[in-house]
Amino acid sequence: MSFLSPDSAFMRSLGSIVDAIVVSVLMAVSSIPLVTIGAAATAGHDAIRKSLIGQGHLGKNYWRAFRENLGKATALWGIFAAALLVEVYAVFFMPQTMMLVPKFALAIVWLIGFEWVWAFQARFENSVGRTMANAYVVGVSHIGATLLLIAIDAVYAAIVVGSWIYMPEGLFLLGLLGYGMLIMLHTPIIERVFRPLVAASEESGDDDGSDRAPMP
């Protein structure tokens, strides 16, 4: 039965689903303090990327990336969390029509940065400010990829809402798959955009042989 072969498309897909579930659980556990959400998102990106290329052990990769990125990723999350609180306050307590444009603009800016910043933190060594800047430069200059990432998240959110309304028993599985599955779907898109950036770093001699390449 070839479909049960470890190299078959079925078994690879099954393995990816299991890895997504494991990463979702790890992210949920390590995000309990709330301030560590950024580190969890960064570690999730690192663990999933290495899983897809068959590098190392999933759990070990996750916790190593979590520890290594805790400081900078927490600082980045502080920025995004503050902006999110402002957006939520504006939506619920500032209903004036004149505020629609600022609220919409803040939501778009937040989404663009959030889609890229954790992958940048996981993939490249840089300062917090430069990581943030690079996330927005790439997010805007590769707007097609950014919109595709947002669309994937929107479809997942729609499935969750649909399951909640029509098939609540499916919420458990969707919860297990969670953000890990989103990262699994995002990673090929992100890596395609990152490929020339990693190559440029290697050609310039900045790559020191570590997994996280420096980026100007």
C-alpha atoms as a PDB file:
ATOM      1  CA  MET A   1       0.000   0.000   0.000  1.00  0.00           C
ATOM      2  CA  SER A   2       2.101   2.857  -1.337  1.00  0.00           C
ATOM      3  CA  PHE A   3      -0.036   5.563   0.262  1.00  0.00           C
ATOM      4  CA  LEU A   4       1.269   4.345   3.672  1.00  0.00           C
ATOM      5  CA  SER A   5       4.868   4.766   2.594  1.00  0.00           C
ATOM      6  CA  PRO A   6       6.710   7.401   4.672  1.00  0.00           C
ATOM      7  CA  ASP A   7       7.486   9.267   1.442  1.00  0.00           C
ATOM      8  CA  SER A   8       3.932   9.230   0.103  1.00  0.00           C
ATOM      9  CA  ALA A   9       1.964  12.449  -0.231  1.00  0.00           C
ATOM     10  CA  PHE A  10      -0.625  11.096   2.224  1.00  0.00           C
ATOM     11  CA  MET A  11       1.910  10.382   4.977  1.00  0.00           C
ATOM     12  CA  ARG A  12       3.722  13.688   4.426  1.00  0.00           C
ATOM     13  CA  SER A  13       0.426  15.539   4.682  1.00  0.00           C
ATOM     14  CA  LEU A  14      -0.503  13.599   7.809  1.00  0.00           C
ATOM     15  CA  GLY A  15       2.889  14.398   9.322  1.00  0.00           C
ATOM     16  CA  SER A  16       2.426  18.089   8.564  1.00  0.00           C
ATOM     17  CA  ILE A  17      -0.998  18.075  10.251  1.00  0.00           C
ATOM     18  CA  VAL A  18       0.450  16.397  13.347  1.00  0.00           C
ATOM     19  CA  ASP A  19       3.298  18.931  13.449  1.00  0.00           C
ATOM     20  CA  ALA A  20       0.788  21.784  13.136  1.00  0.00           C
ATOM     21  CA  ILE A  21      -1.191  20.396  16.081  1.00  0.00           C
ATOM     22  CA  VAL A  22       1.943  20.003  18.206  1.00  0.00           C
ATOM     23  CA  VAL A  23       3.051  23.561  17.451  1.00  0.00           C
ATOM     24  CA  SER A  24      -0.447  24.897  18.192  1.00  0.00           C
ATOM     25  CA  VAL A  25      -0.399  23.186  21.599  1.00  0.00           C
ATOM     26  CA  LEU A  26       3.121  24.433  22.351  1.00  0.00           C
ATOM     27  CA  MET A  27       2.143  27.973  21.351  1.00  0.00           C
ATOM     28  CA  ALA A  28      -0.983  27.845  23.509  1.00  0.00           C
ATOM     29  CA  VAL A  29       0.970  26.651  26.544  1.00  0.00           C
ATOM     30  CA  SER A  30       3.832  29.123  26.124  1.00  0.00           C
ATOM     31  CA  SER A  31       1.404  32.021  25.498  1.00  0.00           C
ATOM     32  CA  ILE A  32      -0.369  31.617  28.851  1.00  0.00           C
ATOM     33  CA  PRO A  33       1.528  34.565  30.426  1.00  0.00           C
ATOM     34  CA  LEU A  34       0.242  36.692  27.468  1.00  0.00           C
ATOM     35  CA  VAL A  35       3.453  38.753  27.369  1.00  0.00           C
ATOM     36  CA  THR A  36       5.138  35.772  25.677  1.00  0.00           C
ATOM     37  CA  ILE A  37       2.758  35.647  22.700  1.00  0.00           C
ATOM     38  CA  GLY A  38       5.380  37.198  20.423  1.00  0.00           C
ATOM     39  CA  ALA A  39       8.020  34.674  21.451  1.00  0.00           C
ATOM     40  CA  ALA A  40       5.516  31.854  20.891  1.00  0.00           C
ATOM     41  CA  ALA A  41       4.645  33.126  17.400  1.00  0.00           C
ATOM     42  CA  THR A  42       8.334  33.444  16.534  1.00  0.00           C
ATOM     43  CA  ALA A  43       9.129  29.964  17.837  1.00  0.00           C
ATOM     44  CA  GLY A  44       6.163  28.582  15.907  1.00  0.00           C
ATOM     45  CA  HIS A  45       7.499  30.002  12.644  1.00  0.00           C
ATOM     46  CA  ASP A  46      10.968  28.622  13.320  1.00  0.00           C
ATOM     47  CA  ALA A  47       9.746  25.151  14.307  1.00  0.00           C
ATOM     48  CA  ILE A  48       7.365  24.800  11.358  1.00  0.00           C
ATOM     49  CA  ARG A  49       9.956  25.975   8.809  1.00  0.00           C
ATOM     50  CA  LYS A  50      12.515  23.471  10.100  1.00  0.00           C
ATOM     51  CA  SER A  51       9.895  20.737  10.190  1.00  0.00           C
ATOM     52  CA  LEU A  52       9.060  21.295   6.519  1.00  0.00           C
ATOM     53  CA  ILE A  53      12.715  20.909   5.534  1.00  0.00           C
ATOM     54  CA  GLY A  54      13.293  17.990   7.912  1.00  0.00           C
ATOM     55  CA  GLN A  55      15.714  19.792  10.197  1.00  0.00           C
ATOM     56  CA  GLY A  56      15.989  18.741  13.824  1.00  0.00           C
ATOM     57  CA  HIS A  57      13.324  17.791  16.353  1.00  0.00           C
ATOM     58  CA  LEU A  58      10.112  19.818  16.380  1.00  0.00           C
ATOM     59  CA  GLY A  59       9.827  20.288  20.140  1.00  0.00           C
ATOM     60  CA  LYS A  60      13.505  21.048  20.659  1.00  0.00           C
ATOM     61  CA  ASN A  61      13.496  23.532  17.779  1.00  0.00           C
ATOM     62  CA  TYR A  62      10.447  25.257  19.241  1.00  0.00           C
ATOM     63  CA  TRP A  63      11.797  25.719  22.742  1.00  0.00           C
ATOM     64  CA  ARG A  64      15.256  26.726  21.507  1.00  0.00           C
ATOM     65  CA  ALA A  65      13.737  29.424  19.305  1.00  0.00           C
ATOM     66  CA  PHE A  66      11.423  30.498  22.137  1.00  0.00           C
ATOM     67  CA  ARG A  67      14.369  31.051  24.496  1.00  0.00           C
ATOM     68  CA  GLU A  68      16.599  32.716  21.896  1.00  0.00           C
ATOM     69  CA  ASN A  69      13.927  35.170  20.747  1.00  0.00           C
ATOM     70  CA  LEU A  70      12.180  35.836  24.055  1.00  0.00           C
ATOM     71  CA  GLY A  71      13.605  39.318  24.623  1.00  0.00           C
ATOM     72  CA  LYS A  72      13.211  40.834  21.169  1.00  0.00           C
ATOM     73  CA  ALA A  73       9.970  39.045  20.329  1.00  0.00           C
ATOM     74  CA  THR A  74       8.438  40.231  23.611  1.00  0.00           C
ATOM     75  CA  ALA A  75       9.411  43.814  22.777  1.00  0.00           C
ATOM     76  CA  LEU A  76       7.831  43.450  19.334  1.00  0.00           C
ATOM     77  CA  TRP A  77       4.675  41.973  20.841  1.00  0.00           C
ATOM     78  CA  GLY A  78       4.502  44.904  23.258  1.00  0.00           C
ATOM     79  CA  ILE A  79       4.266  47.258  20.276  1.00  0.00           C
ATOM     80  CA  PHE A  80       1.603  45.198  18.510  1.00  0.00           C
ATOM     81  CA  ALA A  81      -0.356  44.579  21.720  1.00  0.00           C
ATOM     82  CA  ALA A  82      -0.440  48.311  22.474  1.00  0.00           C
ATOM     83  CA  ALA A  83      -1.635  49.075  18.936  1.00  0.00           C
ATOM     84  CA  LEU A  84      -4.272  46.346  19.226  1.00  0.00           C
ATOM     85  CA  LEU A  85      -5.579  47.818  22.475  1.00  0.00           C
ATOM     86  CA  VAL A  86      -5.833  51.227  20.815  1.00  0.00           C
ATOM     87  CA  GLU A  87      -7.754  49.687  17.907  1.00  0.00           C
ATOM     88  CA  VAL A  88     -10.146  47.820  20.213  1.00  0.00           C
ATOM     89  CA  TYR A  89     -10.757  50.961  22.289  1.00  0.00           C
ATOM     90  CA  ALA A  90     -11.427  52.993  19.144  1.00  0.00           C
ATOM     91  CA  VAL A  91     -13.845  50.415  17.758  1.00  0.00           C
ATOM     92  CA  PHE A  92     -15.933  50.113  20.912  1.00  0.00           C
ATOM     93  CA  PHE A  93     -15.655  53.568  22.479  1.00  0.00           C
ATOM     94  CA  MET A  94     -15.128  55.916  19.535  1.00  0.00           C
ATOM     95  CA  PRO A  95     -18.002  55.168  17.149  1.00  0.00           C
ATOM     96  CA  GLN A  96     -17.899  58.552  15.440  1.00  0.00           C
ATOM     97  CA  THR A  97     -18.030  58.430  11.654  1.00  0.00           C
ATOM     98  CA  MET A  98     -14.959  60.647  11.432  1.00  0.00           C
ATOM     99  CA  MET A  99     -12.950  57.889  13.147  1.00  0.00           C
ATOM    100  CA  LEU A 100     -13.716  55.218  10.526  1.00  0.00           C
ATOM    101  CA  VAL A 101     -10.744  56.043   8.324  1.00  0.00           C
ATOM    102  CA  PRO A 102      -8.153  56.137  11.170  1.00  0.00           C
ATOM    103  CA  LYS A 103      -9.519  52.885  12.603  1.00  0.00           C
ATOM    104  CA  PHE A 104      -9.414  51.177   9.213  1.00  0.00           C
ATOM    105  CA  ALA A 105      -5.895  52.477   8.526  1.00  0.00           C
ATOM    106  CA  LEU A 106      -4.611  51.271  11.906  1.00  0.00           C
ATOM    107  CA  ALA A 107      -6.135  47.827  11.309  1.00  0.00           C
ATOM    108  CA  ILE A 108      -4.451  47.541   7.900  1.00  0.00           C
ATOM    109  CA  VAL A 109      -1.080  48.679   9.248  1.00  0.00           C
ATOM    110  CA  TRP A 110      -1.378  46.239  12.159  1.00  0.00           C
ATOM    111  CA  LEU A 111      -2.235  43.325   9.887  1.00  0.00           C
ATOM    112  CA  ILE A 112       0.623  43.949   7.461  1.00  0.00           C
ATOM    113  CA  GLY A 113       3.182  44.044  10.237  1.00  0.00           C
ATOM    114  CA  PHE A 114       1.746  41.109  12.160  1.00  0.00           C
ATOM    115  CA  GLU A 115       1.801  38.845   9.106  1.00  0.00           C
ATOM    116  CA  TRP A 116       5.567  39.313   8.614  1.00  0.00           C
ATOM    117  CA  VAL A 117       7.290  40.399  11.804  1.00  0.00           C
ATOM    118  CA  TRP A 118       7.405  36.994  13.547  1.00  0.00           C
ATOM    119  CA  ALA A 119       8.804  35.278  10.461  1.00  0.00           C
ATOM    120  CA  PHE A 120      11.470  37.992  10.244  1.00  0.00           C
ATOM    121  CA  GLN A 121      12.346  37.605  13.907  1.00  0.00           C
ATOM    122  CA  ALA A 122      12.592  33.833  13.496  1.00  0.00           C
ATOM    123  CA  ARG A 123      14.656  33.975  10.279  1.00  0.00           C
ATOM    124  CA  PHE A 124      17.001  36.970  10.637  1.00  0.00           C
ATOM    125  CA  GLU A 125      19.196  38.426  13.353  1.00  0.00           C
ATOM    126  CA  ASN A 126      18.558  42.135  13.801  1.00  0.00           C
ATOM    127  CA  SER A 127      17.503  44.865  16.193  1.00  0.00           C
ATOM    128  CA  VAL A 128      13.860  45.238  17.186  1.00  0.00           C
ATOM    129  CA  GLY A 129      13.481  48.459  15.207  1.00  0.00           C
ATOM    130  CA  ARG A 130      15.121  47.065  12.090  1.00  0.00           C
ATOM    131  CA  THR A 131      13.063  43.876  12.259  1.00  0.00           C
ATOM    132  CA  MET A 132       9.904  45.965  12.444  1.00  0.00           C
ATOM    133  CA  ALA A 133      11.019  48.166   9.556  1.00  0.00           C
ATOM    134  CA  ASN A 134      11.971  45.191   7.391  1.00  0.00           C
ATOM    135  CA  ALA A 135       8.615  43.542   8.065  1.00  0.00           C
ATOM    136  CA  TYR A 136       6.772  46.583   6.758  1.00  0.00           C
ATOM    137  CA  VAL A 137       9.076  47.142   3.789  1.00  0.00           C
ATOM    138  CA  VAL A 138       8.612  43.540   2.639  1.00  0.00           C
ATOM    139  CA  GLY A 139       4.928  43.506   3.595  1.00  0.00           C
ATOM    140  CA  VAL A 140       4.217  46.519   1.380  1.00  0.00           C
ATOM    141  CA  SER A 141       6.641  45.745  -1.455  1.00  0.00           C
ATOM    142  CA  HIS A 142       5.271  42.189  -1.687  1.00  0.00           C
ATOM    143  CA  ILE A 143       1.665  43.205  -1.216  1.00  0.00           C
ATOM    144  CA  GLY A 144       0.401  40.232  -3.236  1.00  0.00           C
ATOM    145  CA  ALA A 145       2.012  37.794  -0.804  1.00  0.00           C
ATOM    146  CA  THR A 146       0.744  39.849   2.136  1.00  0.00           C
ATOM    147  CA  LEU A 147      -2.813  39.768   0.838  1.00  0.00           C
ATOM    148  CA  LEU A 148      -2.537  36.015   0.319  1.00  0.00           C
ATOM    149  CA  LEU A 149      -1.420  35.551   3.942  1.00  0.00           C
ATOM    150  CA  ILE A 150      -4.324  37.688   5.155  1.00  0.00           C
ATOM    151  CA  ALA A 151      -6.730  35.771   2.905  1.00  0.00           C
ATOM    152  CA  ILE A 152      -5.602  32.446   4.393  1.00  0.00           C
ATOM    153  CA  ASP A 153      -6.235  33.806   7.892  1.00  0.00           C
ATOM    154  CA  ALA A 154      -9.623  35.177   6.836  1.00  0.00           C
ATOM    155  CA  VAL A 155     -10.699  31.826   5.369  1.00  0.00           C
ATOM    156  CA  TYR A 156      -9.660  30.044   8.570  1.00  0.00           C
ATOM    157  CA  ALA A 157     -11.584  32.595  10.665  1.00  0.00           C
ATOM    158  CA  ALA A 158     -14.644  32.120   8.443  1.00  0.00           C
ATOM    159  CA  ILE A 159     -14.415  28.331   8.877  1.00  0.00           C
ATOM    160  CA  VAL A 160     -14.233  28.758  12.662  1.00  0.00           C
ATOM    161  CA  VAL A 161     -17.283  31.029  12.664  1.00  0.00           C
ATOM    162  CA  GLY A 162     -19.167  28.663  10.363  1.00  0.00           C
ATOM    163  CA  SER A 163     -18.300  25.703  12.560  1.00  0.00           C
ATOM    164  CA  TRP A 164     -19.401  27.598  15.659  1.00  0.00           C
ATOM    165  CA  ILE A 165     -22.796  28.307  14.085  1.00  0.00           C
ATOM    166  CA  TYR A 166     -23.485  25.096  12.160  1.00  0.00           C
ATOM    167  CA  MET A 167     -21.184  22.394  13.571  1.00  0.00           C
ATOM    168  CA  PRO A 168     -19.862  23.241  17.061  1.00  0.00           C
ATOM    169  CA  GLU A 169     -18.321  19.786  17.455  1.00  0.00           C
ATOM    170  CA  GLY A 170     -15.760  20.769  14.817  1.00  0.00           C
ATOM    171  CA  LEU A 171     -14.361  23.573  16.955  1.00  0.00           C
ATOM    172  CA  PHE A 172     -12.176  21.174  18.936  1.00  0.00           C
ATOM    173  CA  LEU A 173     -10.291  20.034  15.824  1.00  0.00           C
ATOM    174  CA  LEU A 174     -10.010  23.588  14.528  1.00  0.00           C
ATOM    175  CA  GLY A 175      -8.666  24.630  17.899  1.00  0.00           C
ATOM    176  CA  LEU A 176      -6.073  21.852  17.811  1.00  0.00           C
ATOM    177  CA  LEU A 177      -4.934  22.844  14.329  1.00  0.00           C
ATOM    178  CA  GLY A 178      -5.011  26.505  15.348  1.00  0.00           C
ATOM    179  CA  TYR A 179      -2.229  28.921  14.542  1.00  0.00           C
ATOM    180  CA  GLY A 180       0.161  26.075  13.816  1.00  0.00           C
ATOM    181  CA  MET A 181      -1.784  25.198  10.668  1.00  0.00           C
ATOM    182  CA  LEU A 182      -1.835  28.838   9.594  1.00  0.00           C
ATOM    183  CA  ILE A 183       1.945  29.016   9.954  1.00  0.00           C
ATOM    184  CA  MET A 184       2.218  25.752   8.009  1.00  0.00           C
ATOM    185  CA  LEU A 185       0.249  27.346   5.152  1.00  0.00           C
ATOM    186  CA  HIS A 186       2.096  30.660   5.420  1.00  0.00           C
ATOM    187  CA  THR A 187       5.623  29.260   5.425  1.00  0.00           C
ATOM    188  CA  PRO A 188       5.995  28.346   1.710  1.00  0.00           C
ATOM    189  CA  ILE A 189       4.793  31.846   0.755  1.00  0.00           C
ATOM    190  CA  ILE A 190       7.080  33.548   3.255  1.00  0.00           C
ATOM    191  CA  GLU A 191      10.111  31.451   2.316  1.00  0.00           C
ATOM    192  CA  ARG A 192       9.631  32.264  -1.363  1.00  0.00           C
ATOM    193  CA  VAL A 193       9.819  35.955  -0.493  1.00  0.00           C
ATOM    194  CA  PHE A 194      12.746  35.415   1.884  1.00  0.00           C
ATOM    195  CA  ARG A 195      14.809  33.346  -0.563  1.00  0.00           C
ATOM    196  CA  PRO A 196      16.570  36.282  -2.282  1.00  0.00           C
ATOM    197  CA  LEU A 197      17.101  37.999   1.085  1.00  0.00           C
ATOM    198  CA  VAL A 198      18.829  34.933   2.514  1.00  0.00           C
ATOM    199  CA  ALA A 199      20.866  34.521  -0.678  1.00  0.00           C
ATOM    200  CA  ALA A 200      21.948  38.175  -0.572  1.00  0.00           C
ATOM    201  CA  SER A 201      23.060  37.756   3.037  1.00  0.00           C
ATOM    202  CA  GLU A 202      25.088  34.674   2.150  1.00  0.00           C
ATOM    203  CA  GLU A 203      26.687  36.322  -0.894  1.00  0.00           C
ATOM    204  CA  SER A 204      27.680  39.392   1.103  1.00  0.00           C
ATOM    205  CA  GLY A 205      29.448  37.186   3.611  1.00  0.00           C
ATOM    206  CA  ASP A 206      27.194  38.252   6.478  1.00  0.00           C
ATOM    207  CA  ASP A 207      25.959  34.732   7.113  1.00  0.00           C
ATOM    208  CA  ASP A 208      28.009  33.312   9.994  1.00  0.00           C
ATOM    209  CA  GLY A 209      26.784  29.760   9.476  1.00  0.00           C
ATOM    210  CA  SER A 210      24.005  30.019  12.045  1.00  0.00           C
ATOM    211  CA  ASP A 211      20.395  29.376  11.137  1.00  0.00           C
ATOM    212  CA  ARG A 212      19.410  33.020  11.644  1.00  0.00           C
ATOM    213  CA  ALA A 213      21.130  35.200   9.068  1.00  0.00           C
ATOM    214  CA  PRO A 214      22.013  38.841   9.734  1.00  0.00           C
ATOM    215  CA  MET A 215      20.087  41.299   7.561  1.00  0.00           C
ATOM    216  CA  PRO A 216      20.931  44.960   6.879  1.00  0.00           C
END
